[in-house]
Amino acid sequence: MKVTCESLPLLKILLHASKHPSCTVNGVLLGKEVKVSAGSEGEGEVRVSDIVPLFHASYHLAAPTEIALAQVGALSLLASVIQHRAPP
């Protein structure tokens, strides 16, 4: 499976990492899976369209990570619903 990243998420990653050079930057990549062509079975492409930075240190705590992922999931679901209801 091929993964492509748009320029804005890549820029966000680089700028966030350069703003906090002494820290680890952990985050979530947001995107969609897209079928490349009907003839190629099992092959698809993931297009990364945004990122959400989570922590500035390497936390190995399950609870904060689960809470952060739940919030990102709710936010992306809400953004998806708003985008589908927007007038053309």
N, C-alpha and C. Protein backbone atom coordinates (compact mmCIF):
# COMPACT_ATOMS: atom_id res chain seq x y z
N MET A 1 0.85 -1.18 0.00
CA MET A 1 0.00 0.00 0.00
C MET A 1 0.90 1.24 0.00
N LYS A 2 0.56 2.16 -0.84
CA LYS A 2 1.31 3.40 -0.99
C LYS A 2 0.75 4.47 -0.05
N VAL A 3 1.63 5.24 0.54
CA VAL A 3 1.21 6.35 1.42
C VAL A 3 1.76 7.64 0.85
N THR A 4 0.86 8.61 0.62
CA THR A 4 1.29 9.93 0.16
C THR A 4 0.85 10.96 1.18
N CYS A 5 1.64 12.01 1.27
CA CYS A 5 1.36 13.06 2.25
C CYS A 5 1.28 14.39 1.52
N GLU A 6 0.21 15.12 1.77
CA GLU A 6 0.08 16.45 1.18
C GLU A 6 1.12 17.38 1.80
N SER A 7 1.31 18.53 1.21
CA SER A 7 2.37 19.43 1.66
C SER A 7 2.07 20.09 3.01
N LEU A 8 0.79 20.40 3.30
CA LEU A 8 0.47 21.06 4.56
C LEU A 8 0.79 20.20 5.78
N PRO A 9 0.41 18.92 5.82
CA PRO A 9 0.78 18.11 6.98
C PRO A 9 2.29 17.96 7.13
N LEU A 10 2.99 17.83 6.02
CA LEU A 10 4.44 17.72 6.07
C LEU A 10 5.05 18.99 6.65
N LEU A 11 4.53 20.13 6.23
CA LEU A 11 5.01 21.41 6.75
C LEU A 11 4.72 21.55 8.24
N LYS A 12 3.53 21.11 8.67
CA LYS A 12 3.19 21.15 10.09
C LYS A 12 4.15 20.31 10.93
N ILE A 13 4.49 19.12 10.42
CA ILE A 13 5.42 18.25 11.14
C ILE A 13 6.78 18.92 11.27
N LEU A 14 7.30 19.45 10.17
CA LEU A 14 8.62 20.08 10.19
C LEU A 14 8.65 21.33 11.08
N LEU A 15 7.62 22.17 10.99
CA LEU A 15 7.58 23.38 11.81
C LEU A 15 7.43 23.05 13.29
N HIS A 16 6.61 22.05 13.60
CA HIS A 16 6.41 21.68 15.00
C HIS A 16 7.69 21.09 15.59
N ALA A 17 8.36 20.26 14.80
CA ALA A 17 9.62 19.67 15.27
C ALA A 17 10.71 20.73 15.43
N SER A 18 10.74 21.73 14.55
CA SER A 18 11.75 22.78 14.66
C SER A 18 11.45 23.73 15.82
N LYS A 19 10.18 23.86 16.18
CA LYS A 19 9.81 24.71 17.32
C LYS A 19 10.21 24.07 18.64
N HIS A 20 10.21 22.74 18.67
CA HIS A 20 10.57 21.99 19.89
C HIS A 20 11.72 21.03 19.57
N PRO A 21 12.92 21.57 19.28
CA PRO A 21 14.01 20.70 18.82
C PRO A 21 14.54 19.72 19.87
N SER A 22 14.38 20.01 21.14
CA SER A 22 14.92 19.13 22.17
C SER A 22 13.92 18.09 22.65
N CYS A 23 12.72 18.11 22.10
CA CYS A 23 11.68 17.18 22.54
C CYS A 23 11.28 16.24 21.40
N THR A 24 10.74 15.12 21.82
CA THR A 24 10.14 14.22 20.84
C THR A 24 8.76 14.77 20.53
N VAL A 25 8.33 14.65 19.30
CA VAL A 25 6.99 15.10 18.92
C VAL A 25 6.18 13.88 18.50
N ASN A 26 5.14 13.59 19.26
CA ASN A 26 4.25 12.49 18.95
C ASN A 26 2.94 13.04 18.45
N GLY A 27 2.35 12.39 17.46
CA GLY A 27 1.09 12.88 16.92
C GLY A 27 0.38 11.82 16.11
N VAL A 28 -0.72 12.24 15.50
CA VAL A 28 -1.57 11.36 14.71
C VAL A 28 -1.66 11.91 13.29
N LEU A 29 -1.49 11.03 12.32
CA LEU A 29 -1.69 11.40 10.91
C LEU A 29 -3.12 11.09 10.54
N LEU A 30 -3.80 12.04 9.92
CA LEU A 30 -5.18 11.85 9.49
C LEU A 30 -5.23 11.78 7.97
N GLY A 31 -5.99 10.82 7.45
CA GLY A 31 -6.08 10.68 6.02
C GLY A 31 -7.17 9.70 5.63
N LYS A 32 -7.22 9.39 4.35
CA LYS A 32 -8.22 8.47 3.82
C LYS A 32 -7.55 7.46 2.93
N GLU A 33 -8.18 6.27 2.88
CA GLU A 33 -7.71 5.24 1.96
C GLU A 33 -8.46 5.42 0.64
N VAL A 34 -7.70 5.42 -0.45
CA VAL A 34 -8.26 5.63 -1.77
C VAL A 34 -7.88 4.44 -2.64
N LYS A 35 -8.84 3.90 -3.36
CA LYS A 35 -8.56 2.81 -4.30
C LYS A 35 -7.89 3.41 -5.52
N VAL A 36 -6.78 2.83 -5.93
CA VAL A 36 -6.01 3.37 -7.04
C VAL A 36 -6.70 3.07 -8.37
N SER A 37 -6.99 1.81 -8.64
CA SER A 37 -7.68 1.46 -9.87
C SER A 37 -8.46 0.17 -9.65
N ALA A 38 -9.46 -0.05 -10.48
CA ALA A 38 -10.31 -1.23 -10.34
C ALA A 38 -9.56 -2.51 -10.70
N GLY A 39 -8.58 -2.45 -11.58
CA GLY A 39 -7.86 -3.63 -12.03
C GLY A 39 -6.86 -4.18 -11.03
N SER A 40 -6.35 -3.33 -10.15
CA SER A 40 -5.33 -3.78 -9.19
C SER A 40 -5.99 -4.12 -7.87
N GLU A 41 -6.17 -5.42 -7.66
CA GLU A 41 -6.84 -5.86 -6.43
C GLU A 41 -5.88 -5.77 -5.25
N GLY A 42 -6.41 -5.37 -4.12
CA GLY A 42 -5.62 -5.32 -2.90
C GLY A 42 -4.70 -4.13 -2.79
N GLU A 43 -4.57 -3.37 -3.86
CA GLU A 43 -3.69 -2.21 -3.80
C GLU A 43 -4.52 -0.95 -3.59
N GLY A 44 -4.04 -0.11 -2.72
CA GLY A 44 -4.72 1.14 -2.47
C GLY A 44 -3.69 2.20 -2.12
N GLU A 45 -4.18 3.33 -1.78
CA GLU A 45 -3.31 4.43 -1.42
C GLU A 45 -3.90 5.14 -0.22
N VAL A 46 -3.06 5.49 0.73
CA VAL A 46 -3.49 6.29 1.87
C VAL A 46 -2.97 7.70 1.65
N ARG A 47 -3.87 8.67 1.67
CA ARG A 47 -3.48 10.07 1.48
C ARG A 47 -3.62 10.80 2.81
N VAL A 48 -2.49 11.22 3.34
CA VAL A 48 -2.46 11.96 4.60
C VAL A 48 -2.83 13.40 4.31
N SER A 49 -3.89 13.89 4.98
CA SER A 49 -4.37 15.24 4.70
C SER A 49 -4.16 16.21 5.86
N ASP A 50 -3.88 15.69 7.05
CA ASP A 50 -3.67 16.57 8.20
C ASP A 50 -2.95 15.80 9.29
N ILE A 51 -2.42 16.53 10.26
CA ILE A 51 -1.79 15.91 11.42
C ILE A 51 -2.30 16.61 12.68
N VAL A 52 -2.23 15.90 13.78
CA VAL A 52 -2.58 16.47 15.08
C VAL A 52 -1.44 16.13 16.04
N PRO A 53 -0.63 17.12 16.44
CA PRO A 53 0.42 16.85 17.42
C PRO A 53 -0.21 16.56 18.78
N LEU A 54 0.33 15.57 19.49
CA LEU A 54 -0.26 15.20 20.78
C LEU A 54 0.64 15.58 21.96
N PHE A 55 1.85 15.04 21.99
CA PHE A 55 2.72 15.25 23.14
C PHE A 55 4.09 15.76 22.69
N HIS A 56 4.78 16.43 23.59
CA HIS A 56 6.12 16.94 23.31
C HIS A 56 7.16 16.15 24.06
N ALA A 57 6.81 15.00 24.53
CA ALA A 57 7.74 14.11 25.21
C ALA A 57 7.29 12.69 24.93
N SER A 58 8.17 11.75 25.18
CA SER A 58 7.79 10.36 24.89
C SER A 58 7.08 9.77 26.11
N TYR A 59 5.80 10.05 26.21
CA TYR A 59 5.00 9.48 27.28
C TYR A 59 4.67 8.03 26.95
N HIS A 60 4.80 7.19 27.92
CA HIS A 60 4.43 5.80 27.74
C HIS A 60 3.24 5.47 28.62
N LEU A 61 2.39 6.45 28.84
CA LEU A 61 1.22 6.27 29.67
C LEU A 61 0.02 5.99 28.78
N ALA A 62 -0.69 4.93 29.08
CA ALA A 62 -1.82 4.54 28.24
C ALA A 62 -2.99 5.50 28.35
N ALA A 63 -3.30 5.97 29.55
CA ALA A 63 -4.49 6.81 29.76
C ALA A 63 -4.43 8.12 28.98
N PRO A 64 -3.37 8.92 29.08
CA PRO A 64 -3.34 10.16 28.29
C PRO A 64 -3.38 9.91 26.79
N THR A 65 -2.74 8.85 26.34
CA THR A 65 -2.75 8.53 24.91
C THR A 65 -4.15 8.15 24.45
N GLU A 66 -4.85 7.33 25.23
CA GLU A 66 -6.21 6.93 24.88
C GLU A 66 -7.16 8.13 24.85
N ILE A 67 -7.01 9.03 25.81
CA ILE A 67 -7.86 10.23 25.86
C ILE A 67 -7.58 11.11 24.64
N ALA A 68 -6.30 11.30 24.32
CA ALA A 68 -5.94 12.13 23.17
C ALA A 68 -6.47 11.52 21.87
N LEU A 69 -6.35 10.22 21.71
CA LEU A 69 -6.85 9.57 20.49
C LEU A 69 -8.37 9.64 20.40
N ALA A 70 -9.06 9.54 21.54
CA ALA A 70 -10.52 9.67 21.52
C ALA A 70 -10.93 11.08 21.10
N GLN A 71 -10.21 12.09 21.59
CA GLN A 71 -10.51 13.47 21.22
C GLN A 71 -10.23 13.72 19.74
N VAL A 72 -9.14 13.18 19.22
CA VAL A 72 -8.83 13.33 17.80
C VAL A 72 -9.88 12.63 16.95
N GLY A 73 -10.31 11.43 17.37
CA GLY A 73 -11.35 10.71 16.65
C GLY A 73 -12.66 11.46 16.62
N ALA A 74 -13.05 12.03 17.75
CA ALA A 74 -14.29 12.80 17.81
C ALA A 74 -14.19 14.06 16.94
N LEU A 75 -13.06 14.72 16.98
CA LEU A 75 -12.86 15.92 16.18
C LEU A 75 -12.90 15.62 14.68
N SER A 76 -12.24 14.53 14.26
CA SER A 76 -12.24 14.20 12.83
C SER A 76 -13.62 13.74 12.37
N LEU A 77 -14.36 13.06 13.24
CA LEU A 77 -15.73 12.65 12.90
C LEU A 77 -16.62 13.88 12.75
N LEU A 78 -16.49 14.84 13.66
CA LEU A 78 -17.27 16.07 13.60
C LEU A 78 -16.92 16.86 12.34
N ALA A 79 -15.64 16.94 12.01
CA ALA A 79 -15.23 17.66 10.80
C ALA A 79 -15.77 16.97 9.55
N SER A 80 -15.82 15.66 9.57
CA SER A 80 -16.37 14.91 8.44
C SER A 80 -17.85 15.18 8.26
N VAL A 81 -18.61 15.21 9.36
CA VAL A 81 -20.03 15.47 9.31
C VAL A 81 -20.29 16.89 8.82
N ILE A 82 -19.54 17.86 9.31
CA ILE A 82 -19.72 19.25 8.91
C ILE A 82 -19.40 19.41 7.42
N GLN A 83 -18.35 18.71 6.96
CA GLN A 83 -17.94 18.82 5.56
C GLN A 83 -19.01 18.23 4.64
N HIS A 84 -19.66 17.14 5.05
CA HIS A 84 -20.68 16.53 4.21
C HIS A 84 -21.98 17.34 4.19
N ARG A 85 -22.24 18.15 5.21
CA ARG A 85 -23.45 18.93 5.26
C ARG A 85 -23.30 20.32 4.68
N ALA A 86 -22.08 20.70 4.35
CA ALA A 86 -21.84 22.04 3.81
C ALA A 86 -22.48 22.17 2.43
N PRO A 87 -23.11 23.32 2.15
CA PRO A 87 -23.69 23.54 0.82
C PRO A 87 -22.61 23.59 -0.25
N PRO A 88 -22.94 23.16 -1.48
CA PRO A 88 -21.93 23.14 -2.55
C PRO A 88 -21.46 24.51 -2.98
